[in-house]
Amino acid sequence: MAPVLNFQEDFELIAYNSMGLASQAKYFVSVVTIEELKEALSFAETKDFEGLVINMALKGESIVKEDEAHVYLKVNAGENWHKLVLSCVEKGWGGIENLSLIPGSVGASPIQNIGAYGVELKDVFDSLEALDISTRKIRTFSKGECNFGYRNSIFKNELKNKVVITSVTFKLQKNAEPKVDYKALVDLLEDKGIFSPTIKDVSEAVIEVRKSKLPDPAKIGNTGSFFKNPIISIALFEELKKEYKNMPSYKVSNNFVKVPAGWLIEKAGWKGVREGDAGVHAKQALVLVNYGKASGAQIWDLAMRIKASILKEFKIELTPEVNIIS
């Protein structure tokens, strides 16, 4: 028997986006199984229109395999990312503790190759399963097939709108050695007298640092970092250093460095700017915020003017980290 789905018409999406933007979907439906997902896609094709938002609510996790050193954990796409991190930390499974408090779902994490404090999703990724929209068949993707890059993957490019991620399998460490490379984490842990941190110590430190710098989406609408940190040539960096002597950078290769987008935006005078309910966060210039009733168009207009400003002043083109749905 085919699943009976509750398609809701003219559905308000404000509760389903962390930016807190008011917008409506022509149709909305939550799916809890792959069969329901297939049914929802068939519904959209039958109606022959653009306007169905599918909320991936597939829940559950299972250990696929394990050995002395690793646990391979398969997690369905609808699970909350931060809750997964906390659960793994409590079980002593390491690798994703640096990614604590990142908002979103497990299914979204590979699309962006989410990362923070020296760790990216690809570092703990084993494989994922996705439903091919055209064939309605499940495909399995290895790490190599995902083409992971800095906040990037095949799912943001060649396979955008062609597959739906249904589960992700992580390769987690049983005897993890915490990765603490960022000065903010080191300083916080040392202030607490912790010099040999556990993965739980690292997770708690990351949460504390993030809360001190980033607004809570439940209180102020935001998507976290709005722009990627740009990678520029060493030649351009050296040219800019003549004027901006304190310009920070991180070596990427012998020819390129990464420059903090937040520093560029702040230096250009945008930090704390507010135009109506659209603004740049006062504590972290990389975060665009909705103070209440900003529209998507207002947030986007602000973002594009920031982008133009950075290009004019630094000859650096910023790229949005977020996916834009129009």
Protein backbone atom coordinates (compact mmCIF):
# COMPACT_ATOMS: atom_id res chain seq x y z
CA MET A 1 0.00 0.00 0.00
CA ALA A 2 1.36 3.40 -0.99
CA PRO A 3 2.04 5.79 1.90
CA VAL A 4 -0.62 8.39 2.65
CA LEU A 5 1.14 11.72 2.90
CA ASN A 6 -0.12 14.94 4.41
CA PHE A 7 0.52 17.55 1.72
CA GLN A 8 -0.07 21.02 3.16
CA GLU A 9 -0.85 23.89 0.82
CA ASP A 10 0.50 27.46 1.10
CA PHE A 11 2.71 26.39 3.99
CA GLU A 12 4.67 28.96 6.03
CA LEU A 13 8.38 28.05 6.17
CA ILE A 14 9.64 30.49 8.82
CA ALA A 15 10.06 27.70 11.38
CA TYR A 16 12.12 25.63 8.93
CA ASN A 17 14.94 28.08 8.19
CA SER A 18 17.44 29.37 10.74
CA MET A 19 17.50 32.82 9.10
CA GLY A 20 13.89 33.24 10.22
CA LEU A 21 12.69 34.40 6.81
CA ALA A 22 8.96 34.44 6.17
CA SER A 23 8.18 32.57 2.96
CA GLN A 24 5.57 30.16 1.72
CA ALA A 25 5.75 26.86 -0.11
CA LYS A 26 2.96 26.05 -2.54
CA TYR A 27 3.01 22.56 -1.03
CA PHE A 28 4.88 21.11 1.95
CA VAL A 29 5.27 17.57 3.21
CA SER A 30 7.39 15.70 5.75
CA VAL A 31 8.64 12.23 4.84
CA VAL A 32 9.91 9.61 7.30
CA THR A 33 10.79 6.79 4.90
CA ILE A 34 12.38 6.44 1.48
CA GLU A 35 9.07 5.16 0.10
CA GLU A 36 7.37 8.34 1.29
CA LEU A 37 10.14 10.37 -0.34
CA LYS A 38 9.48 8.59 -3.64
CA GLU A 39 5.76 9.24 -3.28
CA ALA A 40 6.36 12.93 -2.63
CA LEU A 41 8.55 13.22 -5.73
CA SER A 42 5.87 11.49 -7.80
CA PHE A 43 3.30 13.94 -6.46
CA ALA A 44 5.43 16.85 -7.63
CA GLU A 45 5.82 15.34 -11.10
CA THR A 46 2.09 14.70 -11.38
CA LYS A 47 1.28 18.27 -10.46
CA ASP A 48 3.94 19.47 -12.91
CA PHE A 49 4.90 22.58 -10.98
CA GLU A 50 7.73 24.02 -8.93
CA GLY A 51 6.69 24.54 -5.36
CA LEU A 52 6.92 21.38 -3.25
CA VAL A 53 9.17 21.56 -0.18
CA ILE A 54 10.03 18.15 1.25
CA ASN A 55 11.12 18.03 4.87
CA MET A 56 13.49 15.08 5.30
CA ALA A 57 12.42 13.55 8.62
CA LEU A 58 14.11 10.15 8.22
CA LYS A 59 15.37 9.21 11.69
CA GLY A 60 17.56 6.53 13.19
CA GLU A 61 21.14 5.30 13.27
CA SER A 62 22.94 1.97 13.30
CA ILE A 63 26.47 0.60 13.55
CA VAL A 64 27.38 -0.81 10.14
CA LYS A 65 30.64 -2.35 11.30
CA GLU A 66 33.43 -1.79 13.79
CA ASP A 67 36.96 -2.86 14.55
CA GLU A 68 39.44 -2.18 17.33
CA ALA A 69 40.03 1.39 16.19
CA HIS A 70 36.82 2.57 14.50
CA VAL A 71 33.04 2.55 14.55
CA TYR A 72 31.20 2.96 11.24
CA LEU A 73 27.95 4.69 12.12
CA LYS A 74 25.13 5.03 9.59
CA VAL A 75 22.83 7.95 10.39
CA ASN A 76 19.63 8.85 8.56
CA ALA A 77 19.36 12.27 6.95
CA GLY A 78 16.70 13.73 9.25
CA GLU A 79 18.71 13.47 12.45
CA ASN A 80 19.82 16.72 14.08
CA TRP A 81 23.55 17.32 13.56
CA HIS A 82 24.42 18.73 16.99
CA LYS A 83 22.50 16.01 18.81
CA LEU A 84 24.48 13.44 16.84
CA VAL A 85 27.75 15.08 17.86
CA LEU A 86 26.79 15.08 21.54
CA SER A 87 25.67 11.45 21.35
CA CYS A 88 28.96 10.35 19.78
CA VAL A 89 30.98 12.31 22.33
CA GLU A 90 29.11 10.65 25.20
CA LYS A 91 29.86 7.23 23.69
CA GLY A 92 33.54 8.08 23.32
CA TRP A 93 33.45 8.05 19.51
CA GLY A 94 35.72 10.82 18.30
CA GLY A 95 36.18 12.82 15.14
CA ILE A 96 33.24 15.23 15.02
CA GLU A 97 33.57 16.98 18.38
CA ASN A 98 35.07 20.08 16.70
CA LEU A 99 31.85 20.35 14.70
CA SER A 100 29.68 20.87 17.77
CA LEU A 101 26.77 23.33 17.67
CA ILE A 102 26.63 23.60 13.87
CA PRO A 103 22.93 24.01 13.04
CA GLY A 104 21.27 21.70 10.54
CA SER A 105 20.62 18.07 9.74
CA VAL A 106 22.88 15.11 9.06
CA GLY A 107 21.68 14.91 5.45
CA ALA A 108 22.77 18.48 4.76
CA SER A 109 26.27 18.07 6.21
CA PRO A 110 27.99 16.48 3.17
CA ILE A 111 26.49 18.97 0.72
CA GLN A 112 28.41 21.79 2.38
CA ASN A 113 31.28 19.63 3.64
CA ILE A 114 30.71 21.44 6.92
CA GLY A 115 33.79 22.38 8.89
CA ALA A 116 35.01 24.21 11.97
CA TYR A 117 38.10 24.51 14.15
CA GLY A 118 40.40 22.49 11.90
CA VAL A 119 38.00 19.63 11.08
CA GLU A 120 35.81 19.05 8.02
CA LEU A 121 33.11 16.48 7.46
CA LYS A 122 35.26 14.70 4.87
CA ASP A 123 37.75 13.85 7.65
CA VAL A 124 35.24 11.44 9.22
CA PHE A 125 33.22 10.53 6.13
CA ASP A 126 32.94 6.96 4.92
CA SER A 127 30.03 6.94 2.45
CA LEU A 128 26.48 8.10 1.90
CA GLU A 129 23.29 6.91 0.26
CA ALA A 130 21.11 9.12 -1.92
CA LEU A 131 17.95 8.67 -3.93
CA ASP A 132 18.41 9.42 -7.62
CA ILE A 133 15.43 11.61 -8.49
CA SER A 134 15.22 10.47 -12.12
CA THR A 135 15.53 6.71 -11.56
CA ARG A 136 14.10 6.52 -8.01
CA LYS A 137 16.98 4.19 -7.11
CA ILE A 138 19.34 4.45 -4.15
CA ARG A 139 22.94 5.24 -5.06
CA THR A 140 25.96 4.83 -2.78
CA PHE A 141 28.75 7.42 -2.89
CA SER A 142 32.27 6.88 -1.59
CA LYS A 143 34.37 9.77 -0.29
CA GLY A 144 36.19 10.10 -3.61
CA GLU A 145 32.94 10.25 -5.55
CA CYS A 146 31.69 13.17 -3.44
CA ASN A 147 34.41 15.55 -4.72
CA PHE A 148 34.70 17.26 -1.35
CA GLY A 149 36.30 20.69 -1.30
CA TYR A 150 36.25 23.74 0.94
CA ARG A 151 32.53 24.06 1.80
CA ASN A 152 31.83 22.24 -1.41
CA SER A 153 30.89 18.86 -2.89
CA ILE A 154 29.44 17.25 -5.99
CA PHE A 155 26.00 17.78 -4.46
CA LYS A 156 26.37 21.57 -4.80
CA ASN A 157 27.47 21.24 -8.40
CA GLU A 158 26.95 18.39 -10.89
CA LEU A 159 24.35 16.61 -8.76
CA LYS A 160 22.51 19.64 -7.45
CA ASN A 161 18.74 18.95 -7.61
CA LYS A 162 19.44 15.47 -9.01
CA VAL A 163 19.74 13.37 -5.85
CA VAL A 164 18.39 13.45 -2.29
CA ILE A 165 20.73 12.32 0.47
CA THR A 166 19.01 9.76 2.69
CA SER A 167 21.80 8.63 5.04
CA VAL A 168 25.46 9.24 5.86
CA THR A 169 27.98 6.74 7.27
CA PHE A 170 30.74 8.13 9.47
CA LYS A 171 34.08 6.56 10.37
CA LEU A 172 34.56 7.47 14.03
CA GLN A 173 37.54 6.80 16.29
CA LYS A 174 37.26 4.67 19.41
CA ASN A 175 40.46 6.05 20.93
CA ALA A 176 40.38 9.54 19.53
CA GLU A 177 43.18 12.03 19.84
CA PRO A 178 41.46 15.41 20.06
CA LYS A 179 42.45 17.98 17.45
CA VAL A 180 43.11 21.31 19.12
CA ASP A 181 44.91 23.59 16.67
CA TYR A 182 42.92 26.80 16.99
CA LYS A 183 44.26 29.38 19.44
CA ALA A 184 40.79 30.22 20.76
CA LEU A 185 40.29 26.60 21.82
CA VAL A 186 43.80 26.22 23.23
CA ASP A 187 43.48 29.42 25.27
CA LEU A 188 40.06 28.47 26.64
CA LEU A 189 41.14 24.97 27.64
CA GLU A 190 44.32 26.25 29.29
CA ASP A 191 42.31 28.87 31.18
CA LYS A 192 40.30 25.96 32.57
CA GLY A 193 43.48 24.11 33.49
CA ILE A 194 42.93 21.46 30.83
CA PHE A 195 46.18 20.57 29.08
CA SER A 196 45.33 17.02 27.91
CA PRO A 197 41.74 17.47 26.72
CA THR A 198 39.27 14.68 26.04
CA ILE A 199 36.86 14.82 23.11
CA LYS A 200 34.20 15.99 25.58
CA ASP A 201 36.46 18.82 26.72
CA VAL A 202 36.96 19.87 23.10
CA SER A 203 33.24 19.71 22.34
CA GLU A 204 32.38 21.83 25.36
CA ALA A 205 35.09 24.35 24.48
CA VAL A 206 33.85 24.62 20.89
CA ILE A 207 30.31 25.18 22.15
CA GLU A 208 31.48 27.90 24.53
CA VAL A 209 33.54 29.68 21.89
CA ARG A 210 30.75 29.51 19.31
CA LYS A 211 28.18 30.84 21.77
CA SER A 212 30.48 33.75 22.63
CA LYS A 213 30.92 34.75 18.97
CA LEU A 214 27.82 33.62 17.09
CA PRO A 215 24.17 34.54 17.61
CA ASP A 216 21.65 31.88 18.58
CA PRO A 217 19.34 31.25 15.55
CA ALA A 218 16.46 30.81 18.00
CA LYS A 219 16.93 34.43 19.10
CA ILE A 220 18.37 36.17 16.03
CA GLY A 221 17.84 34.70 12.58
CA ASN A 222 21.10 33.69 10.90
CA THR A 223 22.75 30.92 8.90
CA GLY A 224 26.16 31.09 10.56
CA SER A 225 28.99 32.04 8.21
CA PHE A 226 27.44 33.62 5.12
CA PHE A 227 30.58 33.82 2.96
CA LYS A 228 33.47 31.44 2.38
CA ASN A 229 36.95 32.50 3.41
CA PRO A 230 38.47 33.42 0.03
CA ILE A 231 41.62 31.77 -1.30
CA ILE A 232 43.88 34.25 -3.08
CA SER A 233 47.27 34.20 -4.74
CA ILE A 234 50.33 34.97 -2.67
CA ALA A 235 51.12 37.73 -5.18
CA LEU A 236 47.83 39.51 -4.41
CA PHE A 237 48.28 38.90 -0.69
CA GLU A 238 51.74 40.46 -0.72
CA GLU A 239 50.38 43.45 -2.64
CA LEU A 240 47.60 43.94 -0.06
CA LYS A 241 50.00 43.53 2.85
CA LYS A 242 51.75 46.73 1.78
CA GLU A 243 48.62 48.65 2.80
CA TYR A 244 47.11 46.26 5.35
CA LYS A 245 50.13 45.14 7.37
CA ASN A 246 48.07 43.13 9.90
CA MET A 247 46.07 41.23 7.27
CA PRO A 248 45.80 37.62 8.51
CA SER A 249 46.23 34.57 6.28
CA TYR A 250 46.53 30.79 6.35
CA LYS A 251 48.80 28.98 3.92
CA VAL A 252 46.94 26.72 1.49
CA SER A 253 49.83 25.87 -0.85
CA ASN A 254 53.06 27.37 -2.12
CA ASN A 255 51.05 29.71 -4.33
CA PHE A 256 47.86 30.45 -2.40
CA VAL A 257 46.67 31.60 1.02
CA LYS A 258 43.26 31.74 2.67
CA VAL A 259 42.12 35.10 4.05
CA PRO A 260 39.37 35.41 6.71
CA ALA A 261 36.27 36.85 5.08
CA GLY A 262 35.16 38.22 8.44
CA TRP A 263 38.33 40.31 8.66
CA LEU A 264 37.76 41.74 5.17
CA ILE A 265 34.14 42.59 5.91
CA GLU A 266 35.00 44.21 9.23
CA LYS A 267 37.90 46.16 7.69
CA ALA A 268 35.54 47.48 5.01
CA GLY A 269 33.30 48.90 7.74
CA TRP A 270 30.37 46.52 7.61
CA LYS A 271 30.59 44.94 11.07
CA GLY A 272 27.51 45.82 13.12
CA VAL A 273 25.77 47.61 10.24
CA ARG A 274 21.98 47.34 10.42
CA GLU A 275 19.53 48.37 7.73
CA GLY A 276 16.02 47.86 9.00
CA ASP A 277 15.93 44.25 10.20
CA ALA A 278 18.78 43.08 7.94
CA GLY A 279 22.27 43.42 9.30
CA VAL A 280 25.81 42.25 9.93
CA HIS A 281 26.34 40.78 13.38
CA ALA A 282 28.08 43.07 15.86
CA LYS A 283 30.42 40.36 17.18
CA GLN A 284 31.18 38.42 13.99
CA ALA A 285 31.20 40.21 10.64
CA LEU A 286 30.96 36.94 8.73
CA VAL A 287 27.40 36.44 9.98
CA LEU A 288 24.43 38.19 8.36
CA VAL A 289 21.38 38.40 10.59
CA ASN A 290 17.65 38.94 10.51
CA TYR A 291 16.62 41.02 13.51
CA GLY A 292 12.96 40.22 13.00
CA LYS A 293 11.15 40.89 9.77
CA ALA A 294 13.82 41.18 7.10
CA SER A 295 12.95 39.60 3.77
CA GLY A 296 15.13 37.25 1.78
CA ALA A 297 15.53 39.99 -0.83
CA GLN A 298 16.79 42.45 1.81
CA ILE A 299 19.34 39.96 3.18
CA TRP A 300 20.53 39.15 -0.34
CA ASP A 301 20.79 42.82 -1.31
CA LEU A 302 22.94 43.47 1.76
CA ALA A 303 25.12 40.47 0.94
CA MET A 304 25.66 41.61 -2.64
CA ARG A 305 26.62 45.13 -1.57
CA ILE A 306 29.13 43.70 0.90
CA LYS A 307 30.52 41.51 -1.87
CA ALA A 308 30.88 44.51 -4.22
CA SER A 309 32.54 46.53 -1.48
CA ILE A 310 35.16 43.83 -0.80
CA LEU A 311 35.89 43.44 -4.51
CA LYS A 312 36.38 47.17 -4.90
CA GLU A 313 38.61 47.64 -1.85
CA PHE A 314 40.64 44.41 -1.84
CA LYS A 315 40.25 42.98 -5.38
CA ILE A 316 38.90 39.85 -3.72
CA GLU A 317 35.62 38.26 -4.75
CA LEU A 318 33.59 36.72 -1.92
CA THR A 319 31.51 33.61 -2.57
CA PRO A 320 28.42 32.79 -0.49
CA GLU A 321 28.83 29.71 1.68
CA VAL A 322 25.06 29.24 1.87
CA ASN A 323 22.95 27.69 -0.88
CA ILE A 324 20.59 30.18 -2.50
CA ILE A 325 17.09 28.99 -3.42
CA SER A 326 15.15 31.31 -5.67
